[in-house]
Amino acid sequence: MFAVIYRWKLIPGREAQFEEGWRAGTRAIAEEFGGWGSRLHRGEGGVVVAYAQWPDRATWERAMQSRMHHSDDEARARYRGAFEPDSFEILFAGEVTADLLELRRAGGDA
């Protein structure tokens, strides 16, 4: 398994716009390139990070080599219009060596 951590700085007031576009774009990436999905995290000062999982580095690299990374132009316009120019960065990309994440629902249900 391969994981990537992305970071953006959002334009104030456009948080919901970013999240809507990010959700649709993440779904498109999963369908078109075989990504395993992502988790979005909101921090302080308008910073958001996403943790994405992939079956392997080669699958991720094929997706990144695609000119637009997915075919959902509307989703792309929504999230790209919501973060500050030049604020996107890849913080980490590497193999998962141990995995202790468990899906939990509110109330403690797994």
PDB file of N, CA and C in Angstrom:
ATOM      1  N   MET A   1       0.843  -1.167   0.000  1.00  0.00           N
ATOM      2  CA  MET A   1       0.000   0.000   0.000  1.00  0.00           C
ATOM      3  C   MET A   1       0.893   1.236   0.000  1.00  0.00           C
ATOM      4  N   PHE A   2       0.406   2.306  -0.657  1.00  0.00           N
ATOM      5  CA  PHE A   2       1.156   3.545  -0.814  1.00  0.00           C
ATOM      6  C   PHE A   2       0.295   4.694  -0.306  1.00  0.00           C
ATOM      7  N   ALA A   3       0.882   5.662   0.372  1.00  0.00           N
ATOM      8  CA  ALA A   3       0.127   6.786   0.930  1.00  0.00           C
ATOM      9  C   ALA A   3       0.768   8.106   0.527  1.00  0.00           C
ATOM     10  N   VAL A   4      -0.087   9.111   0.376  1.00  0.00           N
ATOM     11  CA  VAL A   4       0.369  10.449   0.014  1.00  0.00           C
ATOM     12  C   VAL A   4      -0.359  11.454   0.898  1.00  0.00           C
ATOM     13  N   ILE A   5       0.369  12.472   1.353  1.00  0.00           N
ATOM     14  CA  ILE A   5      -0.234  13.548   2.132  1.00  0.00           C
ATOM     15  C   ILE A   5      -0.088  14.846   1.345  1.00  0.00           C
ATOM     16  N   TYR A   6      -1.226  15.499   1.107  1.00  0.00           N
ATOM     17  CA  TYR A   6      -1.284  16.746   0.354  1.00  0.00           C
ATOM     18  C   TYR A   6      -1.664  17.886   1.303  1.00  0.00           C
ATOM     19  N   ARG A   7      -1.277  19.115   0.962  1.00  0.00           N
ATOM     20  CA  ARG A   7      -1.591  20.289   1.777  1.00  0.00           C
ATOM     21  C   ARG A   7      -2.033  21.436   0.877  1.00  0.00           C
ATOM     22  N   TRP A   8      -3.042  22.195   1.366  1.00  0.00           N
ATOM     23  CA  TRP A   8      -3.508  23.409   0.693  1.00  0.00           C
ATOM     24  C   TRP A   8      -3.766  24.486   1.737  1.00  0.00           C
ATOM     25  N   LYS A   9      -3.728  25.738   1.331  1.00  0.00           N
ATOM     26  CA  LYS A   9      -4.151  26.886   2.156  1.00  0.00           C
ATOM     27  C   LYS A   9      -5.380  27.465   1.480  1.00  0.00           C
ATOM     28  N   LEU A  10      -6.532  27.374   2.165  1.00  0.00           N
ATOM     29  CA  LEU A  10      -7.794  27.793   1.573  1.00  0.00           C
ATOM     30  C   LEU A  10      -8.007  29.294   1.666  1.00  0.00           C
ATOM     31  N   ILE A  11      -8.741  29.806   0.701  1.00  0.00           N
ATOM     32  CA  ILE A  11      -9.170  31.193   0.711  1.00  0.00           C
ATOM     33  C   ILE A  11     -10.321  31.289   1.714  1.00  0.00           C
ATOM     34  N   PRO A  12     -10.258  32.233   2.660  1.00  0.00           N
ATOM     35  CA  PRO A  12     -11.319  32.335   3.665  1.00  0.00           C
ATOM     36  C   PRO A  12     -12.713  32.425   3.019  1.00  0.00           C
ATOM     37  N   GLY A  13     -13.649  31.656   3.571  1.00  0.00           N
ATOM     38  CA  GLY A  13     -15.017  31.633   3.075  1.00  0.00           C
ATOM     39  C   GLY A  13     -15.274  30.619   1.976  1.00  0.00           C
ATOM     40  N   ARG A  14     -14.228  29.955   1.501  1.00  0.00           N
ATOM     41  CA  ARG A  14     -14.396  28.986   0.413  1.00  0.00           C
ATOM     42  C   ARG A  14     -14.172  27.539   0.869  1.00  0.00           C
ATOM     43  N   GLU A  15     -14.248  27.308   2.161  1.00  0.00           N
ATOM     44  CA  GLU A  15     -13.997  25.966   2.701  1.00  0.00           C
ATOM     45  C   GLU A  15     -14.994  24.938   2.156  1.00  0.00           C
ATOM     46  N   ALA A  16     -16.279  25.264   2.151  1.00  0.00           N
ATOM     47  CA  ALA A  16     -17.294  24.322   1.664  1.00  0.00           C
ATOM     48  C   ALA A  16     -17.115  24.059   0.178  1.00  0.00           C
ATOM     49  N   GLN A  17     -16.785  25.089  -0.581  1.00  0.00           N
ATOM     50  CA  GLN A  17     -16.531  24.937  -2.017  1.00  0.00           C
ATOM     51  C   GLN A  17     -15.388  23.961  -2.257  1.00  0.00           C
ATOM     52  N   PHE A  18     -14.305  24.127  -1.490  1.00  0.00           N
ATOM     53  CA  PHE A  18     -13.162  23.226  -1.629  1.00  0.00           C
ATOM     54  C   PHE A  18     -13.573  21.791  -1.312  1.00  0.00           C
ATOM     55  N   GLU A  19     -14.258  21.614  -0.189  1.00  0.00           N
ATOM     56  CA  GLU A  19     -14.619  20.265   0.224  1.00  0.00           C
ATOM     57  C   GLU A  19     -15.525  19.580  -0.793  1.00  0.00           C
ATOM     58  N   GLU A  20     -16.482  20.298  -1.343  1.00  0.00           N
ATOM     59  CA  GLU A  20     -17.359  19.706  -2.369  1.00  0.00           C
ATOM     60  C   GLU A  20     -16.549  19.265  -3.586  1.00  0.00           C
ATOM     61  N   GLY A  21     -15.663  20.131  -4.049  1.00  0.00           N
ATOM     62  CA  GLY A  21     -14.827  19.783  -5.196  1.00  0.00           C
ATOM     63  C   GLY A  21     -13.867  18.647  -4.887  1.00  0.00           C
ATOM     64  N   TRP A  22     -13.287  18.680  -3.682  1.00  0.00           N
ATOM     65  CA  TRP A  22     -12.357  17.624  -3.271  1.00  0.00           C
ATOM     66  C   TRP A  22     -13.062  16.269  -3.234  1.00  0.00           C
ATOM     67  N   ARG A  23     -14.282  16.236  -2.669  1.00  0.00           N
ATOM     68  CA  ARG A  23     -15.041  14.973  -2.606  1.00  0.00           C
ATOM     69  C   ARG A  23     -15.295  14.406  -4.005  1.00  0.00           C
ATOM     70  N   ALA A  24     -15.799  15.241  -4.898  1.00  0.00           N
ATOM     71  CA  ALA A  24     -16.102  14.780  -6.256  1.00  0.00           C
ATOM     72  C   ALA A  24     -14.826  14.373  -6.994  1.00  0.00           C
ATOM     73  N   GLY A  25     -13.770  15.159  -6.828  1.00  0.00           N
ATOM     74  CA  GLY A  25     -12.503  14.835  -7.481  1.00  0.00           C
ATOM     75  C   GLY A  25     -11.898  13.537  -6.964  1.00  0.00           C
ATOM     76  N   THR A  26     -11.992  13.324  -5.666  1.00  0.00           N
ATOM     77  CA  THR A  26     -11.477  12.087  -5.073  1.00  0.00           C
ATOM     78  C   THR A  26     -12.243  10.879  -5.598  1.00  0.00           C
ATOM     79  N   ARG A  27     -13.555  11.006  -5.711  1.00  0.00           N
ATOM     80  CA  ARG A  27     -14.360   9.910  -6.282  1.00  0.00           C
ATOM     81  C   ARG A  27     -13.968   9.629  -7.727  1.00  0.00           C
ATOM     82  N   ALA A  28     -13.752  10.685  -8.500  1.00  0.00           N
ATOM     83  CA  ALA A  28     -13.352  10.505  -9.899  1.00  0.00           C
ATOM     84  C   ALA A  28     -11.992   9.816  -9.994  1.00  0.00           C
ATOM     85  N   ILE A  29     -11.068  10.203  -9.152  1.00  0.00           N
ATOM     86  CA  ILE A  29      -9.741   9.580  -9.149  1.00  0.00           C
ATOM     87  C   ILE A  29      -9.847   8.094  -8.822  1.00  0.00           C
ATOM     88  N   ALA A  30     -10.682   7.759  -7.854  1.00  0.00           N
ATOM     89  CA  ALA A  30     -10.865   6.347  -7.492  1.00  0.00           C
ATOM     90  C   ALA A  30     -11.414   5.555  -8.676  1.00  0.00           C
ATOM     91  N   GLU A  31     -12.412   6.098  -9.338  1.00  0.00           N
ATOM     92  CA  GLU A  31     -13.030   5.398 -10.471  1.00  0.00           C
ATOM     93  C   GLU A  31     -12.104   5.297 -11.668  1.00  0.00           C
ATOM     94  N   GLU A  32     -11.389   6.356 -11.970  1.00  0.00           N
ATOM     95  CA  GLU A  32     -10.593   6.421 -13.193  1.00  0.00           C
ATOM     96  C   GLU A  32      -9.190   5.844 -13.068  1.00  0.00           C
ATOM     97  N   PHE A  33      -8.608   5.918 -11.872  1.00  0.00           N
ATOM     98  CA  PHE A  33      -7.204   5.528 -11.724  1.00  0.00           C
ATOM     99  C   PHE A  33      -6.952   4.455 -10.680  1.00  0.00           C
ATOM    100  N   GLY A  34      -7.970   4.083  -9.909  1.00  0.00           N
ATOM    101  CA  GLY A  34      -7.770   3.033  -8.923  1.00  0.00           C
ATOM    102  C   GLY A  34      -7.271   3.496  -7.580  1.00  0.00           C
ATOM    103  N   GLY A  35      -7.415   4.799  -7.292  1.00  0.00           N
ATOM    104  CA  GLY A  35      -7.073   5.285  -5.955  1.00  0.00           C
ATOM    105  C   GLY A  35      -8.003   4.646  -4.929  1.00  0.00           C
ATOM    106  N   TRP A  36      -7.554   4.552  -3.688  1.00  0.00           N
ATOM    107  CA  TRP A  36      -8.336   3.905  -2.631  1.00  0.00           C
ATOM    108  C   TRP A  36      -9.062   4.895  -1.746  1.00  0.00           C
ATOM    109  N   GLY A  37      -9.066   6.162  -2.136  1.00  0.00           N
ATOM    110  CA  GLY A  37      -9.778   7.156  -1.361  1.00  0.00           C
ATOM    111  C   GLY A  37      -8.858   8.015  -0.524  1.00  0.00           C
ATOM    112  N   SER A  38      -9.479   8.910   0.231  1.00  0.00           N
ATOM    113  CA  SER A  38      -8.721   9.914   0.953  1.00  0.00           C
ATOM    114  C   SER A  38      -9.499  10.388   2.166  1.00  0.00           C
ATOM    115  N   ARG A  39      -8.787  10.977   3.111  1.00  0.00           N
ATOM    116  CA  ARG A  39      -9.381  11.640   4.262  1.00  0.00           C
ATOM    117  C   ARG A  39      -8.909  13.089   4.246  1.00  0.00           C
ATOM    118  N   LEU A  40      -9.854  14.008   4.446  1.00  0.00           N
ATOM    119  CA  LEU A  40      -9.529  15.427   4.477  1.00  0.00           C
ATOM    120  C   LEU A  40      -9.529  15.906   5.924  1.00  0.00           C
ATOM    121  N   HIS A  41      -8.529  16.699   6.279  1.00  0.00           N
ATOM    122  CA  HIS A  41      -8.385  17.212   7.638  1.00  0.00           C
ATOM    123  C   HIS A  41      -8.253  18.727   7.582  1.00  0.00           C
ATOM    124  N   ARG A  42      -9.023  19.419   8.419  1.00  0.00           N
ATOM    125  CA  ARG A  42      -8.963  20.876   8.485  1.00  0.00           C
ATOM    126  C   ARG A  42      -8.162  21.283   9.707  1.00  0.00           C
ATOM    127  N   GLY A  43      -7.161  22.117   9.485  1.00  0.00           N
ATOM    128  CA  GLY A  43      -6.348  22.627  10.584  1.00  0.00           C
ATOM    129  C   GLY A  43      -6.641  24.092  10.830  1.00  0.00           C
ATOM    130  N   GLU A  44      -5.749  24.752  11.514  1.00  0.00           N
ATOM    131  CA  GLU A  44      -5.909  26.168  11.827  1.00  0.00           C
ATOM    132  C   GLU A  44      -5.406  27.028  10.679  1.00  0.00           C
ATOM    133  N   GLY A  45      -5.917  28.251  10.611  1.00  0.00           N
ATOM    134  CA  GLY A  45      -5.424  29.211   9.635  1.00  0.00           C
ATOM    135  C   GLY A  45      -5.766  28.886   8.196  1.00  0.00           C
ATOM    136  N   GLY A  46      -6.818  28.111   7.982  1.00  0.00           N
ATOM    137  CA  GLY A  46      -7.231  27.794   6.616  1.00  0.00           C
ATOM    138  C   GLY A  46      -6.454  26.676   5.954  1.00  0.00           C
ATOM    139  N   VAL A  47      -5.618  25.998   6.705  1.00  0.00           N
ATOM    140  CA  VAL A  47      -4.829  24.895   6.137  1.00  0.00           C
ATOM    141  C   VAL A  47      -5.639  23.607   6.180  1.00  0.00           C
ATOM    142  N   VAL A  48      -5.635  22.882   5.078  1.00  0.00           N
ATOM    143  CA  VAL A  48      -6.222  21.549   5.033  1.00  0.00           C
ATOM    144  C   VAL A  48      -5.177  20.583   4.487  1.00  0.00           C
ATOM    145  N   VAL A  49      -5.225  19.359   4.985  1.00  0.00           N
ATOM    146  CA  VAL A  49      -4.380  18.295   4.462  1.00  0.00           C
ATOM    147  C   VAL A  49      -5.273  17.104   4.131  1.00  0.00           C
ATOM    148  N   ALA A  50      -4.852  16.351   3.150  1.00  0.00           N
ATOM    149  CA  ALA A  50      -5.565  15.128   2.793  1.00  0.00           C
ATOM    150  C   ALA A  50      -4.571  13.983   2.795  1.00  0.00           C
ATOM    151  N   TYR A  51      -5.026  12.873   3.331  1.00  0.00           N
ATOM    152  CA  TYR A  51      -4.246  11.631   3.362  1.00  0.00           C
ATOM    153  C   TYR A  51      -4.913  10.695   2.373  1.00  0.00           C
ATOM    154  N   ALA A  52      -4.205  10.284   1.337  1.00  0.00           N
ATOM    155  CA  ALA A  52      -4.770   9.416   0.305  1.00  0.00           C
ATOM    156  C   ALA A  52      -4.011   8.091   0.272  1.00  0.00           C
ATOM    157  N   GLN A  53      -4.764   7.023  -0.006  1.00  0.00           N
ATOM    158  CA  GLN A  53      -4.139   5.708  -0.131  1.00  0.00           C
ATOM    159  C   GLN A  53      -4.278   5.189  -1.559  1.00  0.00           C
ATOM    160  N   TRP A  54      -3.264   4.468  -1.969  1.00  0.00           N
ATOM    161  CA  TRP A  54      -3.176   3.887  -3.307  1.00  0.00           C
ATOM    162  C   TRP A  54      -2.692   2.447  -3.163  1.00  0.00           C
ATOM    163  N   PRO A  55      -3.008   1.606  -4.126  1.00  0.00           N
ATOM    164  CA  PRO A  55      -2.520   0.225  -4.017  1.00  0.00           C
ATOM    165  C   PRO A  55      -0.993   0.141  -4.080  1.00  0.00           C
ATOM    166  N   ASP A  56      -0.362   1.069  -4.840  1.00  0.00           N
ATOM    167  CA  ASP A  56       1.091   1.057  -4.990  1.00  0.00           C
ATOM    168  C   ASP A  56       1.547   2.363  -5.621  1.00  0.00           C
ATOM    169  N   ARG A  57       2.843   2.610  -5.592  1.00  0.00           N
ATOM    170  CA  ARG A  57       3.417   3.839  -6.158  1.00  0.00           C
ATOM    171  C   ARG A  57       3.130   3.955  -7.653  1.00  0.00           C
ATOM    172  N   ALA A  58       3.224   2.869  -8.384  1.00  0.00           N
ATOM    173  CA  ALA A  58       3.025   2.923  -9.833  1.00  0.00           C
ATOM    174  C   ALA A  58       1.622   3.419 -10.192  1.00  0.00           C
ATOM    175  N   THR A  59       0.610   2.989  -9.454  1.00  0.00           N
ATOM    176  CA  THR A  59      -0.759   3.445  -9.718  1.00  0.00           C
ATOM    177  C   THR A  59      -0.865   4.941  -9.469  1.00  0.00           C
ATOM    178  N   TRP A  60      -0.305   5.423  -8.371  1.00  0.00           N
ATOM    179  CA  TRP A  60      -0.315   6.857  -8.071  1.00  0.00           C
ATOM    180  C   TRP A  60       0.425   7.647  -9.152  1.00  0.00           C
ATOM    181  N   GLU A  61       1.598   7.175  -9.556  1.00  0.00           N
ATOM    182  CA  GLU A  61       2.379   7.875 -10.577  1.00  0.00           C
ATOM    183  C   GLU A  61       1.635   7.953 -11.906  1.00  0.00           C
ATOM    184  N   ARG A  62       0.925   6.889 -12.296  1.00  0.00           N
ATOM    185  CA  ARG A  62       0.130   6.936 -13.534  1.00  0.00           C
ATOM    186  C   ARG A  62      -0.947   8.008 -13.437  1.00  0.00           C
ATOM    187  N   ALA A  63      -1.602   8.098 -12.298  1.00  0.00           N
ATOM    188  CA  ALA A  63      -2.632   9.133 -12.105  1.00  0.00           C
ATOM    189  C   ALA A  63      -2.014  10.523 -12.173  1.00  0.00           C
ATOM    190  N   MET A  64      -0.850  10.713 -11.562  1.00  0.00           N
ATOM    191  CA  MET A  64      -0.217  12.030 -11.549  1.00  0.00           C
ATOM    192  C   MET A  64       0.314  12.432 -12.918  1.00  0.00           C
ATOM    193  N   GLN A  65       0.637  11.466 -13.759  1.00  0.00           N
ATOM    194  CA  GLN A  65       1.123  11.764 -15.104  1.00  0.00           C
ATOM    195  C   GLN A  65       0.003  12.203 -16.036  1.00  0.00           C
ATOM    196  N   SER A  66      -1.223  11.880 -15.682  1.00  0.00           N
ATOM    197  CA  SER A  66      -2.370  12.331 -16.462  1.00  0.00           C
ATOM    198  C   SER A  66      -2.435  13.849 -16.370  1.00  0.00           C
ATOM    199  N   ARG A  67      -2.690  14.519 -17.455  1.00  0.00           N
ATOM    200  CA  ARG A  67      -2.643  15.982 -17.507  1.00  0.00           C
ATOM    201  C   ARG A  67      -3.502  16.656 -16.447  1.00  0.00           C
ATOM    202  N   MET A  68      -4.718  16.180 -16.232  1.00  0.00           N
ATOM    203  CA  MET A  68      -5.617  16.821 -15.289  1.00  0.00           C
ATOM    204  C   MET A  68      -5.935  15.936 -14.087  1.00  0.00           C
ATOM    205  N   HIS A  69      -5.420  14.746 -14.012  1.00  0.00           N
ATOM    206  CA  HIS A  69      -5.577  13.802 -12.899  1.00  0.00           C
ATOM    207  C   HIS A  69      -6.956  13.152 -12.801  1.00  0.00           C
ATOM    208  N   HIS A  70      -7.993  13.737 -13.391  1.00  0.00           N
ATOM    209  CA  HIS A  70      -9.313  13.107 -13.484  1.00  0.00           C
ATOM    210  C   HIS A  70     -10.169  13.913 -14.458  1.00  0.00           C
ATOM    211  N   SER A  71     -11.303  13.364 -14.854  1.00  0.00           N
ATOM    212  CA  SER A  71     -12.110  13.991 -15.899  1.00  0.00           C
ATOM    213  C   SER A  71     -13.218  14.907 -15.395  1.00  0.00           C
ATOM    214  N   ASP A  72     -13.377  15.073 -14.088  1.00  0.00           N
ATOM    215  CA  ASP A  72     -14.456  15.905 -13.559  1.00  0.00           C
ATOM    216  C   ASP A  72     -14.013  17.372 -13.518  1.00  0.00           C
ATOM    217  N   ASP A  73     -14.260  18.064 -14.644  1.00  0.00           N
ATOM    218  CA  ASP A  73     -13.831  19.465 -14.760  1.00  0.00           C
ATOM    219  C   ASP A  73     -14.508  20.370 -13.742  1.00  0.00           C
ATOM    220  N   GLU A  74     -15.782  20.117 -13.441  1.00  0.00           N
ATOM    221  CA  GLU A  74     -16.504  20.941 -12.476  1.00  0.00           C
ATOM    222  C   GLU A  74     -15.889  20.812 -11.077  1.00  0.00           C
ATOM    223  N   ALA A  75     -15.596  19.595 -10.673  1.00  0.00           N
ATOM    224  CA  ALA A  75     -14.968  19.379  -9.363  1.00  0.00           C
ATOM    225  C   ALA A  75     -13.615  20.084  -9.307  1.00  0.00           C
ATOM    226  N   ARG A  76     -12.829  19.948 -10.364  1.00  0.00           N
ATOM    227  CA  ARG A  76     -11.509  20.572 -10.408  1.00  0.00           C
ATOM    228  C   ARG A  76     -11.630  22.094 -10.273  1.00  0.00           C
ATOM    229  N   ALA A  77     -12.567  22.690 -10.985  1.00  0.00           N
ATOM    230  CA  ALA A  77     -12.754  24.138 -10.913  1.00  0.00           C
ATOM    231  C   ALA A  77     -13.159  24.561  -9.499  1.00  0.00           C
ATOM    232  N   ARG A  78     -13.991  23.760  -8.840  1.00  0.00           N
ATOM    233  CA  ARG A  78     -14.443  24.105  -7.482  1.00  0.00           C
ATOM    234  C   ARG A  78     -13.272  24.094  -6.501  1.00  0.00           C
ATOM    235  N   TYR A  79     -12.510  23.009  -6.471  1.00  0.00           N
ATOM    236  CA  TYR A  79     -11.454  22.988  -5.459  1.00  0.00           C
ATOM    237  C   TYR A  79     -10.289  23.900  -5.818  1.00  0.00           C
ATOM    238  N   ARG A  80      -9.950  24.012  -7.086  1.00  0.00           N
ATOM    239  CA  ARG A  80      -8.841  24.908  -7.454  1.00  0.00           C
ATOM    240  C   ARG A  80      -9.187  26.378  -7.225  1.00  0.00           C
ATOM    241  N   GLY A  81     -10.457  26.714  -7.310  1.00  0.00           N
ATOM    242  CA  GLY A  81     -10.874  28.084  -7.058  1.00  0.00           C
ATOM    243  C   GLY A  81     -10.999  28.419  -5.593  1.00  0.00           C
ATOM    244  N   ALA A  82     -10.700  27.471  -4.726  1.00  0.00           N
ATOM    245  CA  ALA A  82     -10.892  27.676  -3.294  1.00  0.00           C
ATOM    246  C   ALA A  82      -9.589  27.719  -2.503  1.00  0.00           C
ATOM    247  N   PHE A  83      -8.453  27.464  -3.138  1.00  0.00           N
ATOM    248  CA  PHE A  83      -7.193  27.556  -2.394  1.00  0.00           C
ATOM    249  C   PHE A  83      -6.288  28.626  -2.991  1.00  0.00           C
ATOM    250  N   GLU A  84      -5.395  29.123  -2.154  1.00  0.00           N
ATOM    251  CA  GLU A  84      -4.495  30.184  -2.571  1.00  0.00           C
ATOM    252  C   GLU A  84      -3.526  29.670  -3.630  1.00  0.00           C
ATOM    253  N   PRO A  85      -3.276  30.482  -4.652  1.00  0.00           N
ATOM    254  CA  PRO A  85      -2.336  30.074  -5.702  1.00  0.00           C
ATOM    255  C   PRO A  85      -0.997  29.651  -5.104  1.00  0.00           C
ATOM    256  N   ASP A  86      -0.440  28.614  -5.653  1.00  0.00           N
ATOM    257  CA  ASP A  86       0.867  28.091  -5.236  1.00  0.00           C
ATOM    258  C   ASP A  86       0.901  27.540  -3.810  1.00  0.00           C
ATOM    259  N   SER A  87      -0.262  27.299  -3.190  1.00  0.00           N
ATOM    260  CA  SER A  87      -0.244  26.757  -1.829  1.00  0.00           C
ATOM    261  C   SER A  87      -0.288  25.234  -1.804  1.00  0.00           C
ATOM    262  N   PHE A  88      -0.620  24.591  -2.918  1.00  0.00           N
ATOM    263  CA  PHE A  88      -0.686  23.131  -2.938  1.00  0.00           C
ATOM    264  C   PHE A  88       0.711  22.539  -2.872  1.00  0.00           C
ATOM    265  N   GLU A  89       0.859  21.522  -2.025  1.00  0.00           N
ATOM    266  CA  GLU A  89       2.128  20.792  -1.991  1.00  0.00           C
ATOM    267  C   GLU A  89       1.909  19.352  -1.550  1.00  0.00           C
ATOM    268  N   ILE A  90       2.799  18.503  -1.976  1.00  0.00           N
ATOM    269  CA  ILE A  90       2.821  17.114  -1.519  1.00  0.00           C
ATOM    270  C   ILE A  90       3.805  17.062  -0.363  1.00  0.00           C
ATOM    271  N   LEU A  91       3.290  16.747   0.819  1.00  0.00           N
ATOM    272  CA  LEU A  91       4.134  16.709   2.012  1.00  0.00           C
ATOM    273  C   LEU A  91       4.863  15.385   2.167  1.00  0.00           C
ATOM    274  N   PHE A  92       4.251  14.316   1.672  1.00  0.00           N
ATOM    275  CA  PHE A  92       4.828  12.979   1.861  1.00  0.00           C
ATOM    276  C   PHE A  92       4.260  12.039   0.816  1.00  0.00           C
ATOM    277  N   ALA A  93       5.075  11.146   0.329  1.00  0.00           N
ATOM    278  CA  ALA A  93       4.637  10.061  -0.542  1.00  0.00           C
ATOM    279  C   ALA A  93       5.531   8.863  -0.241  1.00  0.00           C
ATOM    280  N   GLY A  94       4.928   7.754   0.208  1.00  0.00           N
ATOM    281  CA  GLY A  94       5.746   6.598   0.546  1.00  0.00           C
ATOM    282  C   GLY A  94       4.939   5.361   0.867  1.00  0.00           C
ATOM    283  N   GLU A  95       5.632   4.273   0.994  1.00  0.00           N
ATOM    284  CA  GLU A  95       5.021   2.984   1.287  1.00  0.00           C
ATOM    285  C   GLU A  95       4.503   2.948   2.719  1.00  0.00           C
ATOM    286  N   VAL A  96       3.384   2.301   2.908  1.00  0.00           N
ATOM    287  CA  VAL A  96       2.839   2.080   4.241  1.00  0.00           C
ATOM    288  C   VAL A  96       3.555   0.859   4.821  1.00  0.00           C
ATOM    289  N   THR A  97       4.165   1.023   5.987  1.00  0.00           N
ATOM    290  CA  THR A  97       4.894  -0.087   6.598  1.00  0.00           C
ATOM    291  C   THR A  97       4.132  -0.722   7.758  1.00  0.00           C
ATOM    292  N   ALA A  98       3.150   0.012   8.304  1.00  0.00           N
ATOM    293  CA  ALA A  98       2.288  -0.518   9.357  1.00  0.00           C
ATOM    294  C   ALA A  98       0.975   0.252   9.290  1.00  0.00           C
ATOM    295  N   ASP A  99      -0.129  -0.418   9.578  1.00  0.00           N
ATOM    296  CA  ASP A  99      -1.442   0.226   9.468  1.00  0.00           C
ATOM    297  C   ASP A  99      -2.295  -0.149  10.670  1.00  0.00           C
ATOM    298  N   LEU A 100      -2.534   0.815  11.547  1.00  0.00           N
ATOM    299  CA  LEU A 100      -3.370   0.581  12.717  1.00  0.00           C
ATOM    300  C   LEU A 100      -4.647   1.420  12.686  1.00  0.00           C
ATOM    301  N   LEU A 101      -4.951   2.050  11.533  1.00  0.00           N
ATOM    302  CA  LEU A 101      -6.206   2.790  11.413  1.00  0.00           C
ATOM    303  C   LEU A 101      -7.369   1.819  11.364  1.00  0.00           C
ATOM    304  N   GLU A 102      -8.424   2.153  12.085  1.00  0.00           N
ATOM    305  CA  GLU A 102      -9.645   1.359  12.054  1.00  0.00           C
ATOM    306  C   GLU A 102     -10.805   2.291  11.813  1.00  0.00           C
ATOM    307  N   LEU A 103     -11.728   1.895  10.970  1.00  0.00           N
ATOM    308  CA  LEU A 103     -12.904   2.690  10.711  1.00  0.00           C
ATOM    309  C   LEU A 103     -13.815   2.645  11.926  1.00  0.00           C
ATOM    310  N   ARG A 104     -14.131   3.804  12.460  1.00  0.00           N
ATOM    311  CA  ARG A 104     -15.006   3.897  13.630  1.00  0.00           C
ATOM    312  C   ARG A 104     -16.120   4.885  13.331  1.00  0.00           C
ATOM    313  N   ARG A 105     -17.278   4.601  13.812  1.00  0.00           N
ATOM    314  CA  ARG A 105     -18.430   5.475  13.649  1.00  0.00           C
ATOM    315  C   ARG A 105     -18.731   6.146  14.979  1.00  0.00           C
ATOM    316  N   ALA A 106     -19.458   7.245  14.929  1.00  0.00           N
ATOM    317  CA  ALA A 106     -19.860   7.929  16.159  1.00  0.00           C
ATOM    318  C   ALA A 106     -20.549   6.946  17.083  1.00  0.00           C
ATOM    319  N   GLY A 107     -20.254   7.011  18.345  1.00  0.00           N
ATOM    320  CA  GLY A 107     -20.828   6.098  19.313  1.00  0.00           C
ATOM    321  C   GLY A 107     -19.999   4.842  19.518  1.00  0.00           C
ATOM    322  N   GLY A 108     -18.825   4.762  18.851  1.00  0.00           N
ATOM    323  CA  GLY A 108     -17.936   3.637  19.063  1.00  0.00           C
ATOM    324  C   GLY A 108     -18.187   2.434  18.185  1.00  0.00           C
ATOM    325  N   ASP A 109     -19.190   2.478  17.300  1.00  0.00           N
ATOM    326  CA  ASP A 109     -19.429   1.347  16.404  1.00  0.00           C
ATOM    327  C   ASP A 109     -18.354   1.274  15.353  1.00  0.00           C
ATOM    328  N   ALA A 110     -17.885   0.087  15.066  1.00  0.00           N
ATOM    329  CA  ALA A 110     -16.867  -0.086  14.021  1.00  0.00           C
ATOM    330  C   ALA A 110     -17.525  -0.304  12.694  1.00  0.00           C
TER     331      ALA A 110
END
